Amino acid sequence: MDVMEAVGRRRSIRAFEDRPVEEEKLRAVLEAGRLAPSAKNMQEWRFVVVQDPGLRRRLSVAANGQEFVAQAPVVIVGCGTQCEYRMPCGQPAFLIDVAIALEHMVLEAVKQGLGTCWIGAYKQEEVKNLLRIPPEAQVVCLLPLGHPAQEPEARPRAPMEEIVFQDGWPV
């Protein structure tokens, strides 16, 4: 599968089959994140892989009661360290770097026949306490991972001419 095919097939999956993710597929997904670029090559991301059913249930509660988080056989919790560093443009590097690494994982998951869903609705301190994440680190995203039990249709996307501007913002 090429990159554009993976991009086109990616969907937010909110229902998973009741079967484990094969170890080699999980390793391939994690390796895709490990290989991602980062600002100043800091590689400040950390990934907590949650497979314990009890922990996944408690994570789903911390994720504002989203039950499919507990249903996924794996939840990858993407965290950033070195959270104080800002790139010269003013953006916090860890947010962007962790997002890039997680999106690499998402695309590899598609290639592996797995589904994911970006979860940004969660209680930061509850997740950190539950997984013993140190105070200086920040949780960026929860990423449920598993074999999809649904095939959602593609969501509409804005036309190219609405989102791409040549040589400056239109006036």
N, C-alpha and C. Protein backbone atom coordinates (compact mmCIF):
# COMPACT_ATOMS: atom_id res chain seq x y z
N MET A 1 0.85 -1.17 0.00
CA MET A 1 0.00 0.00 0.00
C MET A 1 0.90 1.24 0.00
N ASP A 2 0.61 2.19 -0.89
CA ASP A 2 1.41 3.41 -0.89
C ASP A 2 0.81 4.42 0.09
N VAL A 3 1.53 5.51 0.29
CA VAL A 3 1.14 6.49 1.30
C VAL A 3 -0.22 7.10 1.01
N MET A 4 -0.47 7.51 -0.22
CA MET A 4 -1.76 8.15 -0.55
C MET A 4 -2.93 7.17 -0.37
N GLU A 5 -2.69 5.91 -0.64
CA GLU A 5 -3.75 4.92 -0.40
C GLU A 5 -4.05 4.83 1.09
N ALA A 6 -3.02 4.82 1.92
CA ALA A 6 -3.22 4.77 3.38
C ALA A 6 -3.94 6.03 3.85
N VAL A 7 -3.54 7.18 3.34
CA VAL A 7 -4.20 8.44 3.70
C VAL A 7 -5.67 8.38 3.31
N GLY A 8 -5.96 7.91 2.12
CA GLY A 8 -7.34 7.84 1.64
C GLY A 8 -8.20 6.83 2.38
N ARG A 9 -7.60 5.78 2.90
CA ARG A 9 -8.36 4.72 3.59
C ARG A 9 -8.51 4.96 5.08
N ARG A 10 -7.75 5.91 5.63
CA ARG A 10 -7.81 6.17 7.07
C ARG A 10 -9.19 6.69 7.46
N ARG A 11 -9.73 6.14 8.52
CA ARG A 11 -11.00 6.58 9.08
C ARG A 11 -10.85 6.60 10.60
N SER A 12 -11.68 7.37 11.26
CA SER A 12 -11.76 7.32 12.72
C SER A 12 -12.62 6.12 13.09
N ILE A 13 -11.99 5.14 13.70
CA ILE A 13 -12.69 3.89 14.05
C ILE A 13 -13.11 3.95 15.51
N ARG A 14 -14.39 3.71 15.74
CA ARG A 14 -14.95 3.75 17.09
C ARG A 14 -15.61 2.45 17.49
N ALA A 15 -15.29 1.38 16.76
CA ALA A 15 -15.76 0.04 17.11
C ALA A 15 -14.68 -0.95 16.67
N PHE A 16 -14.30 -1.83 17.58
CA PHE A 16 -13.20 -2.75 17.32
C PHE A 16 -13.64 -4.19 17.55
N GLU A 17 -13.06 -5.09 16.75
CA GLU A 17 -13.30 -6.51 16.94
C GLU A 17 -12.71 -6.96 18.28
N ASP A 18 -13.30 -8.00 18.82
CA ASP A 18 -12.84 -8.54 20.10
C ASP A 18 -11.72 -9.55 19.85
N ARG A 19 -10.58 -9.04 19.41
CA ARG A 19 -9.40 -9.88 19.22
C ARG A 19 -8.15 -9.02 19.37
N PRO A 20 -7.09 -9.63 19.84
CA PRO A 20 -5.87 -8.85 20.10
C PRO A 20 -5.19 -8.39 18.82
N VAL A 21 -4.40 -7.35 18.97
CA VAL A 21 -3.54 -6.90 17.87
C VAL A 21 -2.29 -7.77 17.90
N GLU A 22 -1.94 -8.32 16.75
CA GLU A 22 -0.76 -9.17 16.65
C GLU A 22 0.48 -8.36 17.02
N GLU A 23 1.40 -8.99 17.75
CA GLU A 23 2.60 -8.31 18.24
C GLU A 23 3.40 -7.68 17.12
N GLU A 24 3.54 -8.37 15.98
CA GLU A 24 4.34 -7.81 14.89
C GLU A 24 3.67 -6.56 14.30
N LYS A 25 2.34 -6.53 14.28
CA LYS A 25 1.63 -5.34 13.79
C LYS A 25 1.78 -4.17 14.76
N LEU A 26 1.67 -4.46 16.04
CA LEU A 26 1.86 -3.42 17.05
C LEU A 26 3.28 -2.86 16.97
N ARG A 27 4.26 -3.74 16.83
CA ARG A 27 5.66 -3.29 16.72
C ARG A 27 5.87 -2.42 15.48
N ALA A 28 5.25 -2.78 14.36
CA ALA A 28 5.37 -1.98 13.13
C ALA A 28 4.77 -0.59 13.34
N VAL A 29 3.63 -0.51 14.02
CA VAL A 29 3.00 0.78 14.30
C VAL A 29 3.90 1.63 15.19
N LEU A 30 4.44 1.03 16.24
CA LEU A 30 5.32 1.77 17.15
C LEU A 30 6.61 2.20 16.45
N GLU A 31 7.13 1.35 15.58
CA GLU A 31 8.35 1.68 14.83
C GLU A 31 8.12 2.89 13.92
N ALA A 32 6.93 2.98 13.32
CA ALA A 32 6.62 4.13 12.48
C ALA A 32 6.69 5.42 13.29
N GLY A 33 6.21 5.39 14.52
CA GLY A 33 6.31 6.56 15.38
C GLY A 33 7.74 6.87 15.78
N ARG A 34 8.49 5.84 16.06
CA ARG A 34 9.89 6.02 16.47
C ARG A 34 10.71 6.69 15.38
N LEU A 35 10.38 6.43 14.13
CA LEU A 35 11.13 6.97 13.00
C LEU A 35 10.72 8.39 12.60
N ALA A 36 9.73 8.95 13.26
CA ALA A 36 9.24 10.28 12.89
C ALA A 36 10.28 11.36 13.17
N PRO A 37 10.21 12.46 12.44
CA PRO A 37 11.10 13.59 12.71
C PRO A 37 10.63 14.36 13.94
N SER A 38 11.55 15.13 14.52
CA SER A 38 11.19 15.99 15.65
C SER A 38 12.09 17.23 15.63
N ALA A 39 11.62 18.29 16.25
CA ALA A 39 12.39 19.54 16.32
C ALA A 39 13.72 19.28 17.00
N LYS A 40 14.79 19.75 16.39
CA LYS A 40 16.15 19.57 16.91
C LYS A 40 16.48 18.10 17.20
N ASN A 41 15.74 17.19 16.58
CA ASN A 41 15.88 15.75 16.80
C ASN A 41 15.81 15.40 18.28
N MET A 42 14.96 16.12 19.03
CA MET A 42 14.85 15.88 20.47
C MET A 42 14.17 14.55 20.79
N GLN A 43 13.32 14.09 19.88
CA GLN A 43 12.61 12.82 20.09
C GLN A 43 11.99 12.79 21.49
N GLU A 44 11.31 13.88 21.84
CA GLU A 44 10.77 14.04 23.18
C GLU A 44 9.46 13.29 23.42
N TRP A 45 9.04 12.50 22.45
CA TRP A 45 7.81 11.73 22.62
C TRP A 45 8.06 10.50 23.49
N ARG A 46 7.01 10.09 24.15
CA ARG A 46 6.98 8.83 24.88
C ARG A 46 5.61 8.23 24.64
N PHE A 47 5.55 6.92 24.51
CA PHE A 47 4.30 6.23 24.21
C PHE A 47 4.03 5.17 25.26
N VAL A 48 2.91 5.30 25.93
CA VAL A 48 2.49 4.31 26.90
C VAL A 48 1.51 3.39 26.18
N VAL A 49 1.85 2.12 26.07
CA VAL A 49 1.00 1.13 25.40
C VAL A 49 0.16 0.45 26.47
N VAL A 50 -1.14 0.63 26.39
CA VAL A 50 -2.06 0.09 27.39
C VAL A 50 -2.84 -1.06 26.78
N GLN A 51 -2.64 -2.26 27.34
CA GLN A 51 -3.37 -3.44 26.87
C GLN A 51 -4.20 -4.08 27.98
N ASP A 52 -3.90 -3.77 29.22
CA ASP A 52 -4.65 -4.33 30.35
C ASP A 52 -6.11 -3.86 30.28
N PRO A 53 -7.07 -4.81 30.27
CA PRO A 53 -8.49 -4.43 30.14
C PRO A 53 -8.98 -3.48 31.25
N GLY A 54 -8.52 -3.68 32.46
CA GLY A 54 -8.94 -2.80 33.56
C GLY A 54 -8.44 -1.38 33.37
N LEU A 55 -7.19 -1.26 32.96
CA LEU A 55 -6.64 0.07 32.69
C LEU A 55 -7.35 0.74 31.52
N ARG A 56 -7.66 -0.04 30.48
CA ARG A 56 -8.38 0.53 29.33
C ARG A 56 -9.76 1.02 29.75
N ARG A 57 -10.43 0.28 30.64
CA ARG A 57 -11.75 0.72 31.14
C ARG A 57 -11.61 2.05 31.89
N ARG A 58 -10.59 2.15 32.73
CA ARG A 58 -10.38 3.38 33.49
C ARG A 58 -9.98 4.54 32.57
N LEU A 59 -9.22 4.21 31.51
CA LEU A 59 -8.89 5.25 30.52
C LEU A 59 -10.15 5.76 29.82
N SER A 60 -11.07 4.86 29.52
CA SER A 60 -12.29 5.28 28.83
C SER A 60 -13.11 6.23 29.72
N VAL A 61 -13.08 6.01 31.02
CA VAL A 61 -13.75 6.93 31.95
C VAL A 61 -13.05 8.29 31.91
N ALA A 62 -11.71 8.27 31.96
CA ALA A 62 -10.94 9.52 31.89
C ALA A 62 -11.09 10.20 30.54
N ALA A 63 -11.49 9.44 29.52
CA ALA A 63 -11.73 9.99 28.18
C ALA A 63 -13.20 10.37 28.04
N ASN A 64 -13.72 10.98 29.08
CA ASN A 64 -15.09 11.49 29.08
C ASN A 64 -16.13 10.41 28.78
N GLY A 65 -15.85 9.18 29.23
CA GLY A 65 -16.82 8.10 29.09
C GLY A 65 -16.92 7.50 27.70
N GLN A 66 -15.95 7.72 26.85
CA GLN A 66 -15.99 7.15 25.50
C GLN A 66 -15.68 5.65 25.60
N GLU A 67 -16.71 4.83 25.57
CA GLU A 67 -16.57 3.39 25.84
C GLU A 67 -15.72 2.66 24.82
N PHE A 68 -15.67 3.13 23.59
CA PHE A 68 -14.88 2.43 22.58
C PHE A 68 -13.39 2.45 22.91
N VAL A 69 -12.96 3.39 23.76
CA VAL A 69 -11.56 3.41 24.20
C VAL A 69 -11.26 2.11 24.96
N ALA A 70 -12.18 1.67 25.79
CA ALA A 70 -12.01 0.42 26.53
C ALA A 70 -12.15 -0.79 25.62
N GLN A 71 -12.93 -0.66 24.56
CA GLN A 71 -13.17 -1.78 23.64
C GLN A 71 -11.94 -2.09 22.80
N ALA A 72 -11.14 -1.09 22.48
CA ALA A 72 -9.94 -1.32 21.67
C ALA A 72 -8.96 -2.20 22.46
N PRO A 73 -8.35 -3.17 21.82
CA PRO A 73 -7.42 -4.04 22.54
C PRO A 73 -6.11 -3.35 22.95
N VAL A 74 -5.82 -2.22 22.31
CA VAL A 74 -4.61 -1.44 22.62
C VAL A 74 -4.99 0.03 22.62
N VAL A 75 -4.45 0.77 23.58
CA VAL A 75 -4.53 2.23 23.54
C VAL A 75 -3.10 2.74 23.67
N ILE A 76 -2.69 3.53 22.68
CA ILE A 76 -1.37 4.16 22.74
C ILE A 76 -1.58 5.58 23.25
N VAL A 77 -0.92 5.89 24.35
CA VAL A 77 -1.03 7.22 24.93
C VAL A 77 0.23 7.98 24.55
N GLY A 78 0.07 8.98 23.69
CA GLY A 78 1.19 9.78 23.21
C GLY A 78 1.47 10.94 24.14
N CYS A 79 2.69 10.98 24.65
CA CYS A 79 3.08 12.01 25.62
C CYS A 79 4.28 12.79 25.11
N GLY A 80 4.43 14.00 25.62
CA GLY A 80 5.58 14.82 25.30
C GLY A 80 6.37 15.14 26.56
N THR A 81 7.68 15.14 26.40
CA THR A 81 8.56 15.60 27.47
C THR A 81 9.21 16.89 26.95
N GLN A 82 10.04 17.49 27.72
CA GLN A 82 10.69 18.75 27.30
C GLN A 82 9.62 19.73 26.81
N CYS A 83 8.55 19.85 27.56
CA CYS A 83 7.38 20.62 27.13
C CYS A 83 7.61 22.12 27.12
N GLU A 84 8.70 22.58 27.72
CA GLU A 84 8.96 24.02 27.77
C GLU A 84 9.59 24.56 26.48
N TYR A 85 10.18 23.69 25.66
CA TYR A 85 10.87 24.17 24.46
C TYR A 85 9.88 24.64 23.41
N ARG A 86 10.10 25.85 22.94
CA ARG A 86 9.32 26.41 21.83
C ARG A 86 10.24 26.60 20.64
N MET A 87 9.72 26.26 19.49
CA MET A 87 10.47 26.46 18.26
C MET A 87 10.60 27.96 18.00
N PRO A 88 11.52 28.38 17.15
CA PRO A 88 11.68 29.81 16.86
C PRO A 88 10.37 30.49 16.41
N CYS A 89 9.46 29.73 15.83
CA CYS A 89 8.17 30.31 15.40
C CYS A 89 7.22 30.54 16.57
N GLY A 90 7.58 30.06 17.76
CA GLY A 90 6.76 30.26 18.95
C GLY A 90 5.89 29.08 19.33
N GLN A 91 5.82 28.07 18.49
CA GLN A 91 4.99 26.90 18.77
C GLN A 91 5.69 25.93 19.72
N PRO A 92 4.94 25.32 20.66
CA PRO A 92 5.56 24.30 21.51
C PRO A 92 5.91 23.06 20.67
N ALA A 93 7.18 22.71 20.67
CA ALA A 93 7.65 21.62 19.81
C ALA A 93 7.01 20.28 20.16
N PHE A 94 6.82 20.00 21.44
CA PHE A 94 6.33 18.67 21.82
C PHE A 94 4.97 18.36 21.23
N LEU A 95 4.08 19.35 21.15
CA LEU A 95 2.75 19.09 20.59
C LEU A 95 2.84 18.67 19.13
N ILE A 96 3.65 19.37 18.39
CA ILE A 96 3.79 19.08 16.96
C ILE A 96 4.54 17.76 16.77
N ASP A 97 5.61 17.55 17.51
CA ASP A 97 6.42 16.35 17.35
C ASP A 97 5.64 15.08 17.70
N VAL A 98 4.89 15.12 18.80
CA VAL A 98 4.09 13.95 19.17
C VAL A 98 2.99 13.72 18.13
N ALA A 99 2.39 14.79 17.63
CA ALA A 99 1.35 14.64 16.60
C ALA A 99 1.91 14.01 15.33
N ILE A 100 3.10 14.43 14.93
CA ILE A 100 3.72 13.84 13.73
C ILE A 100 3.96 12.35 13.96
N ALA A 101 4.53 12.00 15.10
CA ALA A 101 4.82 10.60 15.38
C ALA A 101 3.54 9.76 15.42
N LEU A 102 2.50 10.30 16.05
CA LEU A 102 1.24 9.55 16.11
C LEU A 102 0.61 9.40 14.73
N GLU A 103 0.72 10.41 13.90
CA GLU A 103 0.15 10.27 12.56
C GLU A 103 0.93 9.26 11.73
N HIS A 104 2.25 9.18 11.92
CA HIS A 104 3.01 8.10 11.29
C HIS A 104 2.43 6.75 11.73
N MET A 105 2.12 6.62 13.02
CA MET A 105 1.54 5.39 13.55
C MET A 105 0.18 5.10 12.93
N VAL A 106 -0.63 6.13 12.80
CA VAL A 106 -1.97 5.97 12.22
C VAL A 106 -1.87 5.42 10.80
N LEU A 107 -0.96 5.97 10.00
CA LEU A 107 -0.84 5.51 8.62
C LEU A 107 -0.29 4.09 8.55
N GLU A 108 0.64 3.75 9.43
CA GLU A 108 1.14 2.36 9.47
C GLU A 108 0.03 1.42 9.93
N ALA A 109 -0.80 1.88 10.86
CA ALA A 109 -1.93 1.05 11.30
C ALA A 109 -2.85 0.71 10.13
N VAL A 110 -3.13 1.70 9.28
CA VAL A 110 -3.96 1.44 8.10
C VAL A 110 -3.30 0.37 7.23
N LYS A 111 -2.01 0.52 7.00
CA LYS A 111 -1.28 -0.46 6.20
C LYS A 111 -1.39 -1.86 6.80
N GLN A 112 -1.39 -1.93 8.12
CA GLN A 112 -1.45 -3.22 8.82
C GLN A 112 -2.88 -3.76 8.94
N GLY A 113 -3.86 -3.04 8.39
CA GLY A 113 -5.25 -3.49 8.48
C GLY A 113 -5.90 -3.17 9.81
N LEU A 114 -5.34 -2.21 10.54
CA LEU A 114 -5.84 -1.83 11.85
C LEU A 114 -6.53 -0.48 11.78
N GLY A 115 -7.30 -0.18 12.80
CA GLY A 115 -7.99 1.10 12.87
C GLY A 115 -7.57 1.86 14.11
N THR A 116 -7.73 3.18 14.04
CA THR A 116 -7.39 4.07 15.14
C THR A 116 -8.40 5.21 15.19
N CYS A 117 -8.32 5.98 16.26
CA CYS A 117 -9.12 7.20 16.38
C CYS A 117 -8.38 8.16 17.30
N TRP A 118 -8.10 9.35 16.81
CA TRP A 118 -7.46 10.38 17.65
C TRP A 118 -8.43 10.77 18.75
N ILE A 119 -7.98 10.74 19.99
CA ILE A 119 -8.82 11.15 21.11
C ILE A 119 -8.15 12.33 21.81
N GLY A 120 -8.79 13.47 21.73
CA GLY A 120 -8.30 14.66 22.43
C GLY A 120 -9.22 15.04 23.57
N ALA A 121 -10.31 14.30 23.74
CA ALA A 121 -11.26 14.56 24.83
C ALA A 121 -10.94 13.62 25.98
N TYR A 122 -10.15 14.11 26.92
CA TYR A 122 -9.77 13.33 28.10
C TYR A 122 -9.36 14.28 29.20
N LYS A 123 -9.33 13.77 30.39
CA LYS A 123 -8.90 14.55 31.55
C LYS A 123 -7.42 14.29 31.78
N GLN A 124 -6.61 15.28 31.47
CA GLN A 124 -5.15 15.18 31.51
C GLN A 124 -4.63 14.59 32.82
N GLU A 125 -5.05 15.15 33.94
CA GLU A 125 -4.51 14.69 35.23
C GLU A 125 -4.95 13.27 35.56
N GLU A 126 -6.17 12.91 35.21
CA GLU A 126 -6.64 11.54 35.46
C GLU A 126 -5.82 10.53 34.66
N VAL A 127 -5.56 10.83 33.40
CA VAL A 127 -4.76 9.92 32.57
C VAL A 127 -3.34 9.82 33.12
N LYS A 128 -2.77 10.96 33.48
CA LYS A 128 -1.41 10.95 34.02
C LYS A 128 -1.33 10.14 35.32
N ASN A 129 -2.29 10.33 36.21
CA ASN A 129 -2.29 9.57 37.47
C ASN A 129 -2.47 8.08 37.23
N LEU A 130 -3.39 7.74 36.36
CA LEU A 130 -3.69 6.35 36.06
C LEU A 130 -2.47 5.61 35.52
N LEU A 131 -1.68 6.28 34.68
CA LEU A 131 -0.55 5.62 34.01
C LEU A 131 0.81 6.01 34.61
N ARG A 132 0.80 6.70 35.73
CA ARG A 132 2.03 7.11 36.42
C ARG A 132 2.93 7.98 35.54
N ILE A 133 2.31 8.83 34.73
CA ILE A 133 3.05 9.74 33.87
C ILE A 133 3.56 10.88 34.74
N PRO A 134 4.86 11.20 34.65
CA PRO A 134 5.41 12.22 35.54
C PRO A 134 4.80 13.61 35.30
N PRO A 135 4.81 14.45 36.34
CA PRO A 135 4.18 15.78 36.24
C PRO A 135 4.72 16.64 35.12
N GLU A 136 6.00 16.53 34.80
CA GLU A 136 6.59 17.39 33.77
C GLU A 136 6.20 16.97 32.34
N ALA A 137 5.68 15.78 32.16
CA ALA A 137 5.24 15.31 30.84
C ALA A 137 3.78 15.73 30.62
N GLN A 138 3.40 15.77 29.35
CA GLN A 138 2.03 16.12 28.98
C GLN A 138 1.46 15.05 28.05
N VAL A 139 0.22 14.66 28.30
CA VAL A 139 -0.48 13.74 27.41
C VAL A 139 -1.00 14.57 26.24
N VAL A 140 -0.69 14.14 25.02
CA VAL A 140 -1.11 14.86 23.82
C VAL A 140 -2.34 14.19 23.20
N CYS A 141 -2.39 12.86 23.24
CA CYS A 141 -3.47 12.16 22.54
C CYS A 141 -3.59 10.73 23.06
N LEU A 142 -4.80 10.21 23.05
CA LEU A 142 -5.03 8.78 23.25
C LEU A 142 -5.35 8.21 21.88
N LEU A 143 -4.76 7.07 21.57
CA LEU A 143 -4.94 6.48 20.25
C LEU A 143 -5.38 5.02 20.40
N PRO A 144 -6.71 4.77 20.47
CA PRO A 144 -7.17 3.39 20.47
C PRO A 144 -6.75 2.71 19.17
N LEU A 145 -6.39 1.43 19.28
CA LEU A 145 -5.85 0.69 18.13
C LEU A 145 -6.40 -0.73 18.16
N GLY A 146 -6.88 -1.19 17.02
CA GLY A 146 -7.37 -2.56 16.94
C GLY A 146 -7.89 -2.88 15.55
N HIS A 147 -8.41 -4.09 15.42
CA HIS A 147 -9.02 -4.50 14.16
C HIS A 147 -10.41 -3.85 14.07
N PRO A 148 -10.67 -3.08 13.02
CA PRO A 148 -11.95 -2.37 12.92
C PRO A 148 -13.14 -3.31 12.84
N ALA A 149 -14.20 -2.95 13.56
CA ALA A 149 -15.46 -3.67 13.48
C ALA A 149 -16.48 -2.83 12.71
N GLN A 150 -16.00 -1.83 12.00
CA GLN A 150 -16.87 -0.97 11.21
C GLN A 150 -16.06 -0.44 10.02
N GLU A 151 -16.78 -0.02 9.00
CA GLU A 151 -16.15 0.60 7.83
C GLU A 151 -16.89 1.89 7.52
N PRO A 152 -16.59 2.95 8.27
CA PRO A 152 -17.30 4.21 8.04
C PRO A 152 -16.98 4.78 6.66
N GLU A 153 -17.95 5.49 6.12
CA GLU A 153 -17.75 6.20 4.87
C GLU A 153 -16.78 7.36 5.11
N ALA A 154 -16.14 7.80 4.05
CA ALA A 154 -15.26 8.97 4.15
C ALA A 154 -16.10 10.20 4.48
N ARG A 155 -15.58 11.02 5.36
CA ARG A 155 -16.24 12.27 5.70
C ARG A 155 -15.92 13.30 4.62
N PRO A 156 -16.82 14.24 4.38
CA PRO A 156 -16.57 15.24 3.34
C PRO A 156 -15.35 16.09 3.68
N ARG A 157 -14.63 16.49 2.67
CA ARG A 157 -13.48 17.37 2.80
C ARG A 157 -13.71 18.61 1.95
N ALA A 158 -13.19 19.72 2.43
CA ALA A 158 -13.31 20.99 1.70
C ALA A 158 -12.57 20.88 0.37
N PRO A 159 -13.07 21.55 -0.65
CA PRO A 159 -12.36 21.53 -1.93
C PRO A 159 -10.99 22.23 -1.81
N MET A 160 -10.07 21.82 -2.64
CA MET A 160 -8.71 22.33 -2.63
C MET A 160 -8.67 23.86 -2.69
N GLU A 161 -9.51 24.45 -3.56
CA GLU A 161 -9.46 25.91 -3.75
C GLU A 161 -9.91 26.69 -2.51
N GLU A 162 -10.58 26.03 -1.56
CA GLU A 162 -10.97 26.69 -0.32
C GLU A 162 -9.86 26.66 0.73
N ILE A 163 -8.91 25.75 0.59
CA ILE A 163 -7.92 25.59 1.66
C ILE A 163 -6.48 25.87 1.25
N VAL A 164 -6.24 26.01 -0.04
CA VAL A 164 -4.87 26.25 -0.53
C VAL A 164 -4.82 27.61 -1.19
N PHE A 165 -3.89 28.45 -0.74
CA PHE A 165 -3.72 29.79 -1.29
C PHE A 165 -2.33 29.89 -1.89
N GLN A 166 -2.23 30.46 -3.05
CA GLN A 166 -0.95 30.61 -3.76
C GLN A 166 -0.32 31.96 -3.44
N ASP A 167 0.90 31.94 -2.95
CA ASP A 167 1.71 33.14 -2.72
C ASP A 167 1.09 34.14 -1.74
N GLY A 168 0.25 33.70 -0.85
CA GLY A 168 -0.31 34.58 0.17
C GLY A 168 -1.79 34.34 0.39
N TRP A 169 -2.26 34.81 1.52
CA TRP A 169 -3.67 34.70 1.89
C TRP A 169 -4.49 35.63 0.99
N PRO A 170 -5.62 35.16 0.49
CA PRO A 170 -6.41 36.05 -0.39
C PRO A 170 -6.97 37.25 0.37
N VAL A 171 -7.09 38.34 -0.35
CA VAL A 171 -7.64 39.57 0.26
C VAL A 171 -8.99 39.90 -0.30
